Amino acid sequence: MSALRQGSIGAVPEYTGRRPHVSGDIVPLFKRDVLTQPMADACNAVSAKLTTTVLGELDAQVAKGADPEAVARTWLSADGLA
């Protein structure tokens, strides 16, 4: 979290500092001066299609041993986001 406060990173995945990660709590964080319109558009496109149900299904694949990057790429491609 200190790296985010100091500005040395622009995003922190899956961390609120308060409690364990919950599927419905995913929120991308960006430093204002590094967020571009294409980045915002991409996040909004993913957000429009990534429901809690879908995320649970993707998480289940990874929990069974699937490669997280492969699972994400497959989903992005199937939904026309990649």
N, C-alpha and C. Protein backbone atom coordinates (compact mmCIF):
# COMPACT_ATOMS: atom_id res chain seq x y z
N MET A 1 0.82 -1.18 0.00
CA MET A 1 0.00 0.00 0.00
C MET A 1 0.86 1.25 0.00
N SER A 2 2.01 1.18 0.66
CA SER A 2 2.87 2.36 0.71
C SER A 2 3.37 2.74 -0.68
N ALA A 3 3.61 1.76 -1.54
CA ALA A 3 4.05 2.07 -2.90
C ALA A 3 2.98 2.85 -3.65
N LEU A 4 1.73 2.54 -3.42
CA LEU A 4 0.63 3.28 -4.04
C LEU A 4 0.60 4.71 -3.51
N ARG A 5 0.73 4.85 -2.20
CA ARG A 5 0.71 6.19 -1.60
C ARG A 5 1.89 7.04 -2.08
N GLN A 6 3.04 6.41 -2.26
CA GLN A 6 4.24 7.13 -2.70
C GLN A 6 4.22 7.42 -4.19
N GLY A 7 3.33 6.76 -4.92
CA GLY A 7 3.23 6.99 -6.35
C GLY A 7 4.19 6.17 -7.17
N SER A 8 4.84 5.18 -6.58
CA SER A 8 5.80 4.37 -7.34
C SER A 8 5.12 3.27 -8.15
N ILE A 9 3.84 3.00 -7.89
CA ILE A 9 3.07 2.08 -8.72
C ILE A 9 1.73 2.73 -9.04
N GLY A 10 1.11 2.24 -10.11
CA GLY A 10 -0.14 2.84 -10.54
C GLY A 10 -1.37 2.01 -10.25
N ALA A 11 -1.20 0.75 -9.87
CA ALA A 11 -2.36 -0.10 -9.60
C ALA A 11 -1.99 -1.14 -8.56
N VAL A 12 -2.95 -1.53 -7.75
CA VAL A 12 -2.74 -2.56 -6.74
C VAL A 12 -3.84 -3.60 -6.93
N PRO A 13 -3.51 -4.83 -7.33
CA PRO A 13 -4.54 -5.84 -7.53
C PRO A 13 -5.00 -6.45 -6.21
N GLU A 14 -6.32 -6.60 -6.07
CA GLU A 14 -6.91 -7.40 -5.00
C GLU A 14 -6.51 -6.99 -3.59
N TYR A 15 -6.33 -5.72 -3.30
CA TYR A 15 -5.92 -5.35 -1.95
C TYR A 15 -6.71 -4.16 -1.44
N THR A 16 -7.36 -4.32 -0.32
CA THR A 16 -8.04 -3.21 0.34
C THR A 16 -7.42 -2.91 1.69
N GLY A 17 -6.70 -3.90 2.25
CA GLY A 17 -6.10 -3.72 3.56
C GLY A 17 -7.05 -4.01 4.70
N ARG A 18 -8.30 -4.26 4.41
CA ARG A 18 -9.29 -4.45 5.47
C ARG A 18 -9.70 -5.91 5.66
N ARG A 19 -9.86 -6.64 4.59
CA ARG A 19 -10.35 -8.01 4.70
C ARG A 19 -9.94 -8.79 3.46
N PRO A 20 -10.12 -10.10 3.50
CA PRO A 20 -9.74 -10.90 2.33
C PRO A 20 -10.51 -10.48 1.08
N HIS A 21 -9.90 -10.74 -0.05
CA HIS A 21 -10.49 -10.43 -1.35
C HIS A 21 -11.82 -11.15 -1.53
N VAL A 22 -12.82 -10.43 -1.99
CA VAL A 22 -14.12 -11.00 -2.30
C VAL A 22 -14.42 -10.67 -3.75
N SER A 23 -14.94 -11.63 -4.50
CA SER A 23 -15.15 -11.47 -5.93
C SER A 23 -15.84 -10.16 -6.31
N GLY A 24 -16.85 -9.79 -5.61
CA GLY A 24 -17.59 -8.59 -5.96
C GLY A 24 -16.89 -7.29 -5.63
N ASP A 25 -15.73 -7.35 -5.01
CA ASP A 25 -15.03 -6.14 -4.58
C ASP A 25 -13.92 -5.69 -5.52
N ILE A 26 -13.85 -6.23 -6.71
CA ILE A 26 -12.74 -5.88 -7.60
C ILE A 26 -12.93 -4.48 -8.16
N VAL A 27 -11.96 -3.64 -7.89
CA VAL A 27 -11.98 -2.26 -8.37
C VAL A 27 -10.56 -1.92 -8.81
N PRO A 28 -10.36 -1.60 -10.09
CA PRO A 28 -9.02 -1.21 -10.52
C PRO A 28 -8.68 0.18 -9.98
N LEU A 29 -7.46 0.33 -9.52
CA LEU A 29 -6.98 1.62 -9.02
C LEU A 29 -5.84 2.10 -9.89
N PHE A 30 -5.90 3.35 -10.29
CA PHE A 30 -4.86 3.94 -11.12
C PHE A 30 -4.51 5.32 -10.59
N LYS A 31 -3.23 5.68 -10.70
CA LYS A 31 -2.85 7.06 -10.44
C LYS A 31 -3.44 7.90 -11.55
N ARG A 32 -3.99 9.02 -11.19
CA ARG A 32 -4.65 9.88 -12.16
C ARG A 32 -3.73 10.25 -13.34
N ASP A 33 -2.45 10.50 -13.06
CA ASP A 33 -1.57 10.94 -14.14
C ASP A 33 -1.06 9.81 -15.03
N VAL A 34 -1.38 8.56 -14.71
CA VAL A 34 -0.98 7.46 -15.60
C VAL A 34 -2.17 6.84 -16.32
N LEU A 35 -3.39 7.15 -15.90
CA LEU A 35 -4.58 6.59 -16.52
C LEU A 35 -4.87 7.32 -17.83
N THR A 36 -4.87 6.56 -18.90
CA THR A 36 -5.19 7.13 -20.21
C THR A 36 -6.63 6.77 -20.56
N GLN A 37 -7.19 7.45 -21.54
CA GLN A 37 -8.55 7.14 -21.96
C GLN A 37 -8.67 5.71 -22.48
N PRO A 38 -7.70 5.22 -23.28
CA PRO A 38 -7.79 3.82 -23.71
C PRO A 38 -7.78 2.84 -22.53
N MET A 39 -7.01 3.14 -21.48
CA MET A 39 -7.00 2.28 -20.29
C MET A 39 -8.37 2.30 -19.62
N ALA A 40 -8.95 3.47 -19.47
CA ALA A 40 -10.27 3.59 -18.85
C ALA A 40 -11.31 2.87 -19.69
N ASP A 41 -11.23 3.02 -21.01
CA ASP A 41 -12.18 2.35 -21.90
C ASP A 41 -12.06 0.83 -21.77
N ALA A 42 -10.83 0.32 -21.69
CA ALA A 42 -10.62 -1.12 -21.54
C ALA A 42 -11.19 -1.62 -20.22
N CYS A 43 -10.94 -0.90 -19.14
CA CYS A 43 -11.49 -1.29 -17.83
C CYS A 43 -13.01 -1.27 -17.85
N ASN A 44 -13.59 -0.27 -18.47
CA ASN A 44 -15.04 -0.19 -18.55
C ASN A 44 -15.63 -1.33 -19.38
N ALA A 45 -14.95 -1.70 -20.46
CA ALA A 45 -15.42 -2.81 -21.30
C ALA A 45 -15.40 -4.12 -20.53
N VAL A 46 -14.33 -4.35 -19.78
CA VAL A 46 -14.24 -5.57 -18.97
C VAL A 46 -15.29 -5.52 -17.87
N SER A 47 -15.42 -4.40 -17.21
CA SER A 47 -16.39 -4.26 -16.12
C SER A 47 -17.82 -4.53 -16.58
N ALA A 48 -18.13 -4.15 -17.80
CA ALA A 48 -19.48 -4.35 -18.33
C ALA A 48 -19.82 -5.83 -18.51
N LYS A 49 -18.80 -6.66 -18.70
CA LYS A 49 -19.04 -8.08 -18.98
C LYS A 49 -18.62 -9.02 -17.85
N LEU A 50 -17.80 -8.56 -16.94
CA LEU A 50 -17.28 -9.43 -15.88
C LEU A 50 -18.20 -9.38 -14.67
N THR A 51 -19.17 -10.28 -14.65
CA THR A 51 -20.11 -10.35 -13.54
C THR A 51 -19.51 -11.17 -12.41
N THR A 52 -20.13 -11.11 -11.26
CA THR A 52 -19.68 -11.92 -10.13
C THR A 52 -19.76 -13.40 -10.47
N THR A 53 -20.81 -13.80 -11.19
CA THR A 53 -20.96 -15.20 -11.60
C THR A 53 -19.83 -15.62 -12.51
N VAL A 54 -19.53 -14.80 -13.52
CA VAL A 54 -18.45 -15.12 -14.45
C VAL A 54 -17.12 -15.20 -13.70
N LEU A 55 -16.89 -14.25 -12.82
CA LEU A 55 -15.64 -14.25 -12.06
C LEU A 55 -15.51 -15.51 -11.23
N GLY A 56 -16.60 -15.94 -10.63
CA GLY A 56 -16.59 -17.18 -9.86
C GLY A 56 -16.24 -18.38 -10.73
N GLU A 57 -16.76 -18.41 -11.95
CA GLU A 57 -16.45 -19.50 -12.88
C GLU A 57 -14.97 -19.48 -13.27
N LEU A 58 -14.44 -18.29 -13.52
CA LEU A 58 -13.02 -18.17 -13.87
C LEU A 58 -12.15 -18.58 -12.68
N ASP A 59 -12.51 -18.12 -11.49
CA ASP A 59 -11.78 -18.50 -10.28
C ASP A 59 -11.78 -20.01 -10.08
N ALA A 60 -12.91 -20.65 -10.36
CA ALA A 60 -13.02 -22.10 -10.19
C ALA A 60 -12.06 -22.83 -11.13
N GLN A 61 -11.92 -22.32 -12.35
CA GLN A 61 -10.97 -22.94 -13.29
C GLN A 61 -9.54 -22.85 -12.76
N VAL A 62 -9.19 -21.70 -12.23
CA VAL A 62 -7.85 -21.51 -11.68
C VAL A 62 -7.65 -22.38 -10.44
N ALA A 63 -8.67 -22.48 -9.61
CA ALA A 63 -8.58 -23.31 -8.41
C ALA A 63 -8.35 -24.78 -8.75
N LYS A 64 -8.82 -25.19 -9.93
CA LYS A 64 -8.63 -26.57 -10.37
C LYS A 64 -7.29 -26.77 -11.07
N GLY A 65 -6.47 -25.72 -11.13
CA GLY A 65 -5.13 -25.85 -11.67
C GLY A 65 -4.88 -25.20 -13.01
N ALA A 66 -5.90 -24.57 -13.60
CA ALA A 66 -5.70 -23.90 -14.88
C ALA A 66 -4.80 -22.68 -14.70
N ASP A 67 -4.06 -22.35 -15.73
CA ASP A 67 -3.17 -21.19 -15.71
C ASP A 67 -4.02 -19.91 -15.69
N PRO A 68 -3.84 -19.03 -14.71
CA PRO A 68 -4.66 -17.82 -14.62
C PRO A 68 -4.61 -16.95 -15.87
N GLU A 69 -3.42 -16.80 -16.44
CA GLU A 69 -3.31 -15.97 -17.64
C GLU A 69 -4.07 -16.59 -18.81
N ALA A 70 -3.98 -17.91 -18.95
CA ALA A 70 -4.69 -18.59 -20.04
C ALA A 70 -6.20 -18.47 -19.85
N VAL A 71 -6.66 -18.61 -18.61
CA VAL A 71 -8.09 -18.48 -18.33
C VAL A 71 -8.56 -17.08 -18.69
N ALA A 72 -7.81 -16.07 -18.29
CA ALA A 72 -8.18 -14.69 -18.58
C ALA A 72 -8.17 -14.42 -20.08
N ARG A 73 -7.12 -14.86 -20.76
CA ARG A 73 -7.05 -14.64 -22.21
C ARG A 73 -8.20 -15.31 -22.95
N THR A 74 -8.53 -16.53 -22.54
CA THR A 74 -9.64 -17.25 -23.18
C THR A 74 -10.95 -16.49 -22.98
N TRP A 75 -11.19 -16.03 -21.75
CA TRP A 75 -12.41 -15.28 -21.49
C TRP A 75 -12.45 -13.97 -22.27
N LEU A 76 -11.35 -13.25 -22.26
CA LEU A 76 -11.29 -11.98 -23.00
C LEU A 76 -11.56 -12.19 -24.48
N SER A 77 -10.97 -13.24 -25.05
CA SER A 77 -11.16 -13.53 -26.47
C SER A 77 -12.60 -13.94 -26.76
N ALA A 78 -13.16 -14.80 -25.91
CA ALA A 78 -14.53 -15.28 -26.11
C ALA A 78 -15.54 -14.15 -26.04
N ASP A 79 -15.25 -13.13 -25.24
CA ASP A 79 -16.17 -12.01 -25.10
C ASP A 79 -15.80 -10.82 -25.99
N GLY A 80 -14.89 -11.05 -26.93
CA GLY A 80 -14.53 -10.01 -27.88
C GLY A 80 -13.75 -8.86 -27.29
N LEU A 81 -13.05 -9.11 -26.20
CA LEU A 81 -12.29 -8.06 -25.54
C LEU A 81 -10.79 -8.13 -25.80
N ALA A 82 -10.38 -9.14 -26.54
CA ALA A 82 -8.94 -9.27 -26.81
C ALA A 82 -8.70 -9.38 -28.30
